[in-house]
């Protein structure tokens, strides 16, 4: 008796593996977008803090703007320093 491998199984496995791969990519993309949204929200919250609150956590207004990605060293007049 000669045993032949089933052709259907060999086709399903690569397709299943492909969809697993696509699923992992979509999951990574979703996690990345979620994390970026969290970071953007945290940066916005940091910028909304007044100087007293920033001082309480050991940051200056310039530090907060650097952390939030809005620091412009060439325009120090906005921050009250020259």
Protein backbone atom coordinates (compact mmCIF):
# COMPACT_ATOMS: atom_id res chain seq x y z
CA UNK A 1 0.00 0.00 0.00
CA UNK A 2 1.36 3.42 -0.99
CA UNK A 3 0.55 6.37 1.28
CA UNK A 4 0.26 9.74 -0.39
CA UNK A 5 0.17 13.00 1.55
CA UNK A 6 -3.10 14.84 1.45
CA UNK A 7 -2.84 17.89 -0.81
CA UNK A 8 -5.47 19.86 1.11
CA UNK A 9 -3.46 19.96 4.35
CA UNK A 10 -0.39 21.34 2.61
CA UNK A 11 -2.48 24.19 1.19
CA UNK A 12 -4.23 25.07 4.45
CA UNK A 13 -1.11 25.40 6.54
CA UNK A 14 0.56 28.15 4.47
CA UNK A 15 -2.74 30.03 4.24
CA UNK A 16 -3.28 29.68 7.98
CA UNK A 17 0.29 30.86 8.61
CA UNK A 18 -0.28 33.81 6.30
CA UNK A 19 -3.39 34.90 8.20
CA UNK A 20 -1.56 34.50 11.51
CA UNK A 21 1.18 36.76 10.15
CA UNK A 22 -1.37 39.34 8.97
CA UNK A 23 -3.07 39.15 12.37
CA UNK A 24 0.23 39.81 14.17
CA UNK A 25 0.92 42.79 11.91
CA UNK A 26 -2.54 44.24 12.57
CA UNK A 27 -2.15 43.64 16.30
CA UNK A 28 1.24 45.38 16.30
CA UNK A 29 -0.21 48.27 14.30
CA UNK A 30 -3.12 48.64 16.72
CA UNK A 31 -0.80 48.57 19.74
CA UNK A 32 1.50 51.13 18.13
CA UNK A 33 -1.37 53.49 17.35
CA UNK A 34 -2.76 53.08 20.86
CA UNK A 35 0.62 53.83 22.43
CA UNK A 36 1.09 56.92 20.26
CA UNK A 37 -2.34 58.18 21.29
CA UNK A 38 -1.45 57.66 24.96
CA UNK A 39 1.85 59.52 24.56
CA UNK A 40 0.12 62.40 22.74
CA UNK A 41 -2.46 62.65 25.54
CA UNK A 42 0.28 62.60 28.20
CA UNK A 43 2.22 65.32 26.38
CA UNK A 44 -0.90 67.46 26.13
CA UNK A 45 -1.54 67.01 29.86
CA UNK A 46 2.03 68.01 30.63
CA UNK A 47 1.69 71.20 28.57
CA UNK A 48 -1.53 72.11 30.36
CA UNK A 49 0.09 72.01 33.81
CA UNK A 50 0.81 75.36 35.39
CA UNK A 51 4.33 76.28 36.50
CA UNK A 52 3.56 75.44 40.14
CA UNK A 53 2.56 71.87 39.29
CA UNK A 54 5.56 71.45 37.01
CA UNK A 55 7.82 72.71 39.80
CA UNK A 56 6.22 70.15 42.17
CA UNK A 57 7.35 67.33 39.88
CA UNK A 58 10.75 68.88 39.33
CA UNK A 59 10.26 70.28 35.83
CA UNK A 60 10.46 73.76 34.36
CA UNK A 61 8.22 75.01 31.55
CA UNK A 62 11.14 74.48 29.14
CA UNK A 63 11.58 70.90 30.40
CA UNK A 64 7.88 70.23 29.85
CA UNK A 65 8.03 71.64 26.33
CA UNK A 66 11.12 69.57 25.55
CA UNK A 67 9.37 66.43 26.77
CA UNK A 68 6.27 67.34 24.78
CA UNK A 69 8.31 67.95 21.63
CA UNK A 70 7.52 71.64 21.38
CA UNK A 71 10.82 73.09 22.55
CA UNK A 72 12.20 75.89 20.40
CA UNK A 73 15.58 76.97 21.77
CA UNK A 74 15.80 79.86 19.29
CA UNK A 75 12.68 81.49 20.77
CA UNK A 76 13.46 81.82 24.48
CA UNK A 77 11.50 85.07 24.80
CA UNK A 78 8.24 83.11 25.04
CA UNK A 79 9.52 81.52 28.24
CA UNK A 80 10.57 84.72 29.94
CA UNK A 81 14.32 84.06 29.68
CA UNK A 82 16.82 85.80 27.38
